Amino acid sequence: MTLVAILSILSGCKEEKPVDIVQTVDWYKANKVKRLEVLAKCKDNPGEMANTPNCVNARSAANAITHSARGIIDVKPLTADEINKR
């Protein structure tokens, strides 16, 4: 009986991290302040944060903005079928 009470108390002590809402690349393109904020958090803790969905999407948005400013266009790769048609 005592063991059940102790386990019940300890199970309530579990610390849960808040769940981040995952934003899209387009959302980060449109929201510069949040994009820069997320990029700063990712840079401060790359070991834990670098591969999280929000870091990846914010970084992709920043890269897309930089590329479009430089005049680099997004080229889709050719498939084998498209190459054979030529």
N, C-alpha and C. Protein backbone atom coordinates (compact mmCIF):
# COMPACT_ATOMS: atom_id res chain seq x y z
N MET A 1 0.83 -1.19 0.00
CA MET A 1 0.00 0.00 0.00
C MET A 1 0.87 1.25 0.00
N THR A 2 1.92 1.24 0.83
CA THR A 2 2.82 2.38 0.90
C THR A 2 3.56 2.57 -0.42
N LEU A 3 3.93 1.47 -1.06
CA LEU A 3 4.63 1.54 -2.33
C LEU A 3 3.77 2.18 -3.40
N VAL A 4 2.50 1.87 -3.42
CA VAL A 4 1.57 2.46 -4.39
C VAL A 4 1.46 3.96 -4.16
N ALA A 5 1.40 4.38 -2.91
CA ALA A 5 1.31 5.81 -2.60
C ALA A 5 2.57 6.54 -3.03
N ILE A 6 3.72 5.96 -2.80
CA ILE A 6 4.99 6.58 -3.19
C ILE A 6 5.09 6.69 -4.71
N LEU A 7 4.73 5.63 -5.42
CA LEU A 7 4.78 5.66 -6.88
C LEU A 7 3.79 6.68 -7.45
N SER A 8 2.65 6.83 -6.83
CA SER A 8 1.67 7.81 -7.28
C SER A 8 2.21 9.23 -7.13
N ILE A 9 2.86 9.49 -6.03
CA ILE A 9 3.44 10.82 -5.78
C ILE A 9 4.57 11.10 -6.76
N LEU A 10 5.45 10.13 -6.96
CA LEU A 10 6.58 10.33 -7.85
C LEU A 10 6.16 10.47 -9.31
N SER A 11 5.12 9.80 -9.71
CA SER A 11 4.68 9.92 -11.10
C SER A 11 4.13 11.31 -11.39
N GLY A 12 3.66 12.00 -10.39
CA GLY A 12 3.18 13.37 -10.56
C GLY A 12 4.29 14.39 -10.63
N CYS A 13 5.52 13.99 -10.33
CA CYS A 13 6.66 14.91 -10.33
C CYS A 13 7.35 14.99 -11.69
N LYS A 14 6.87 14.27 -12.65
CA LYS A 14 7.49 14.25 -13.96
C LYS A 14 7.39 15.62 -14.62
N GLU A 15 8.55 16.16 -15.02
CA GLU A 15 8.59 17.47 -15.67
C GLU A 15 8.37 17.30 -17.17
N GLU A 16 7.39 18.00 -17.70
CA GLU A 16 7.11 17.92 -19.13
C GLU A 16 7.52 19.22 -19.80
N LYS A 17 8.17 19.07 -20.97
CA LYS A 17 8.56 20.25 -21.74
C LYS A 17 7.36 20.75 -22.53
N PRO A 18 7.25 22.07 -22.68
CA PRO A 18 6.14 22.58 -23.50
C PRO A 18 6.33 22.15 -24.96
N VAL A 19 5.23 21.86 -25.61
CA VAL A 19 5.27 21.41 -26.99
C VAL A 19 5.31 22.63 -27.91
N ASP A 20 6.32 22.66 -28.78
CA ASP A 20 6.43 23.75 -29.75
C ASP A 20 5.55 23.45 -30.95
N ILE A 21 4.88 24.47 -31.43
CA ILE A 21 4.10 24.33 -32.65
C ILE A 21 5.07 24.41 -33.81
N VAL A 22 5.02 23.46 -34.70
CA VAL A 22 5.93 23.44 -35.85
C VAL A 22 5.36 24.36 -36.93
N GLN A 23 6.18 25.34 -37.32
CA GLN A 23 5.80 26.29 -38.36
C GLN A 23 6.42 25.87 -39.69
N THR A 24 5.79 26.26 -40.78
CA THR A 24 6.28 25.90 -42.11
C THR A 24 7.37 26.87 -42.57
N VAL A 25 8.05 26.50 -43.64
CA VAL A 25 9.06 27.37 -44.25
C VAL A 25 8.41 28.67 -44.70
N ASP A 26 7.25 28.57 -45.35
CA ASP A 26 6.55 29.78 -45.81
C ASP A 26 6.18 30.69 -44.65
N TRP A 27 5.79 30.09 -43.51
CA TRP A 27 5.45 30.90 -42.34
C TRP A 27 6.68 31.67 -41.86
N TYR A 28 7.83 31.00 -41.81
CA TYR A 28 9.06 31.67 -41.38
C TYR A 28 9.51 32.72 -42.38
N LYS A 29 9.24 32.52 -43.66
CA LYS A 29 9.57 33.55 -44.65
C LYS A 29 8.77 34.82 -44.38
N ALA A 30 7.53 34.65 -43.97
CA ALA A 30 6.64 35.79 -43.74
C ALA A 30 6.81 36.42 -42.36
N ASN A 31 7.44 35.75 -41.42
CA ASN A 31 7.58 36.22 -40.04
C ASN A 31 9.04 36.36 -39.66
N LYS A 32 9.64 37.48 -40.07
CA LYS A 32 11.07 37.70 -39.89
C LYS A 32 11.49 37.67 -38.42
N VAL A 33 10.72 38.32 -37.55
CA VAL A 33 11.10 38.39 -36.14
C VAL A 33 11.16 37.00 -35.53
N LYS A 34 10.16 36.19 -35.76
CA LYS A 34 10.15 34.83 -35.21
C LYS A 34 11.24 33.97 -35.84
N ARG A 35 11.47 34.17 -37.16
CA ARG A 35 12.52 33.42 -37.83
C ARG A 35 13.88 33.69 -37.19
N LEU A 36 14.17 34.97 -36.96
CA LEU A 36 15.45 35.34 -36.35
C LEU A 36 15.54 34.84 -34.91
N GLU A 37 14.43 34.86 -34.21
CA GLU A 37 14.40 34.36 -32.84
C GLU A 37 14.70 32.87 -32.78
N VAL A 38 14.07 32.11 -33.65
CA VAL A 38 14.29 30.66 -33.68
C VAL A 38 15.72 30.36 -34.12
N LEU A 39 16.23 31.06 -35.13
CA LEU A 39 17.59 30.84 -35.58
C LEU A 39 18.60 31.12 -34.47
N ALA A 40 18.34 32.13 -33.66
CA ALA A 40 19.24 32.43 -32.54
C ALA A 40 19.23 31.30 -31.51
N LYS A 41 18.04 30.76 -31.20
CA LYS A 41 17.94 29.64 -30.26
C LYS A 41 18.66 28.41 -30.81
N CYS A 42 18.52 28.18 -32.11
CA CYS A 42 19.16 27.03 -32.74
C CYS A 42 20.68 27.17 -32.70
N LYS A 43 21.15 28.38 -32.91
CA LYS A 43 22.59 28.63 -32.90
C LYS A 43 23.17 28.51 -31.49
N ASP A 44 22.40 28.92 -30.48
CA ASP A 44 22.86 28.86 -29.10
C ASP A 44 22.99 27.43 -28.58
N ASN A 45 22.18 26.51 -29.10
CA ASN A 45 22.20 25.13 -28.61
C ASN A 45 22.09 24.16 -29.79
N PRO A 46 23.08 24.12 -30.66
CA PRO A 46 22.97 23.28 -31.85
C PRO A 46 22.92 21.78 -31.57
N GLY A 47 23.50 21.36 -30.47
CA GLY A 47 23.48 19.94 -30.14
C GLY A 47 22.09 19.39 -29.94
N GLU A 48 21.22 20.16 -29.34
CA GLU A 48 19.85 19.72 -29.10
C GLU A 48 18.86 20.27 -30.12
N MET A 49 19.14 21.44 -30.66
CA MET A 49 18.14 22.14 -31.44
C MET A 49 18.31 22.06 -32.97
N ALA A 50 19.51 21.82 -33.45
CA ALA A 50 19.81 21.97 -34.88
C ALA A 50 18.88 21.18 -35.80
N ASN A 51 18.49 19.99 -35.39
CA ASN A 51 17.68 19.15 -36.26
C ASN A 51 16.21 19.11 -35.89
N THR A 52 15.77 20.05 -35.05
CA THR A 52 14.34 20.10 -34.74
C THR A 52 13.60 20.68 -35.94
N PRO A 53 12.33 20.34 -36.11
CA PRO A 53 11.58 20.82 -37.27
C PRO A 53 11.58 22.35 -37.42
N ASN A 54 11.44 23.08 -36.32
CA ASN A 54 11.41 24.54 -36.43
C ASN A 54 12.77 25.11 -36.83
N CYS A 55 13.85 24.53 -36.34
CA CYS A 55 15.18 25.01 -36.75
C CYS A 55 15.41 24.73 -38.23
N VAL A 56 15.04 23.55 -38.66
CA VAL A 56 15.21 23.19 -40.07
C VAL A 56 14.38 24.12 -40.95
N ASN A 57 13.13 24.36 -40.58
CA ASN A 57 12.25 25.20 -41.39
C ASN A 57 12.69 26.66 -41.38
N ALA A 58 13.12 27.16 -40.23
CA ALA A 58 13.59 28.56 -40.15
C ALA A 58 14.86 28.73 -40.98
N ARG A 59 15.76 27.75 -40.91
CA ARG A 59 17.00 27.81 -41.69
C ARG A 59 16.70 27.73 -43.19
N SER A 60 15.75 26.87 -43.57
CA SER A 60 15.37 26.76 -44.98
C SER A 60 14.76 28.06 -45.48
N ALA A 61 13.95 28.70 -44.64
CA ALA A 61 13.35 29.98 -45.02
C ALA A 61 14.42 31.04 -45.19
N ALA A 62 15.37 31.09 -44.27
CA ALA A 62 16.45 32.08 -44.37
C ALA A 62 17.28 31.84 -45.63
N ASN A 63 17.57 30.58 -45.95
CA ASN A 63 18.32 30.26 -47.15
C ASN A 63 17.55 30.65 -48.41
N ALA A 64 16.26 30.39 -48.43
CA ALA A 64 15.45 30.74 -49.59
C ALA A 64 15.41 32.25 -49.81
N ILE A 65 15.31 33.00 -48.71
CA ILE A 65 15.29 34.46 -48.81
C ILE A 65 16.63 34.97 -49.32
N THR A 66 17.72 34.40 -48.80
CA THR A 66 19.06 34.80 -49.24
C THR A 66 19.26 34.48 -50.72
N HIS A 67 18.85 33.29 -51.14
CA HIS A 67 19.02 32.89 -52.54
C HIS A 67 18.19 33.76 -53.48
N SER A 68 16.97 34.07 -53.10
CA SER A 68 16.14 34.90 -53.97
C SER A 68 16.70 36.32 -54.06
N ALA A 69 17.31 36.81 -52.99
CA ALA A 69 17.90 38.14 -53.01
C ALA A 69 19.13 38.19 -53.92
N ARG A 70 19.79 37.05 -54.05
CA ARG A 70 20.98 36.98 -54.91
C ARG A 70 20.64 36.61 -56.35
N GLY A 71 19.37 36.36 -56.61
CA GLY A 71 18.95 36.02 -57.97
C GLY A 71 19.10 34.55 -58.30
N ILE A 72 19.30 33.72 -57.29
CA ILE A 72 19.42 32.28 -57.52
C ILE A 72 18.02 31.70 -57.59
N ILE A 73 17.74 30.95 -58.64
CA ILE A 73 16.42 30.37 -58.79
C ILE A 73 16.42 28.93 -58.29
N ASP A 74 15.27 28.48 -57.87
CA ASP A 74 15.12 27.11 -57.38
C ASP A 74 14.86 26.20 -58.58
N VAL A 75 15.82 25.36 -58.89
CA VAL A 75 15.72 24.47 -60.04
C VAL A 75 15.36 23.08 -59.54
N LYS A 76 14.31 22.51 -60.14
CA LYS A 76 13.91 21.16 -59.77
C LYS A 76 14.80 20.15 -60.49
N PRO A 77 15.18 19.08 -59.81
CA PRO A 77 16.03 18.08 -60.46
C PRO A 77 15.25 17.33 -61.53
N LEU A 78 15.95 16.92 -62.58
CA LEU A 78 15.33 16.13 -63.65
C LEU A 78 15.25 14.67 -63.21
N THR A 79 14.16 14.03 -63.63
CA THR A 79 14.03 12.60 -63.38
C THR A 79 14.55 11.85 -64.60
N ALA A 80 14.75 10.56 -64.47
CA ALA A 80 15.24 9.74 -65.59
C ALA A 80 14.24 9.78 -66.74
N ASP A 81 12.95 9.78 -66.45
CA ASP A 81 11.94 9.84 -67.51
C ASP A 81 12.02 11.13 -68.30
N GLU A 82 12.26 12.24 -67.61
CA GLU A 82 12.36 13.53 -68.30
C GLU A 82 13.60 13.59 -69.17
N ILE A 83 14.68 12.99 -68.73
CA ILE A 83 15.93 12.98 -69.52
C ILE A 83 15.73 12.11 -70.76
N ASN A 84 15.07 10.99 -70.63
CA ASN A 84 14.85 10.07 -71.76
C ASN A 84 13.92 10.66 -72.81
N LYS A 85 13.05 11.59 -72.44
CA LYS A 85 12.14 12.22 -73.39
C LYS A 85 12.88 13.13 -74.35
N ARG A 86 14.03 13.59 -73.97
CA ARG A 86 14.78 14.55 -74.82
C ARG A 86 15.50 13.85 -75.86
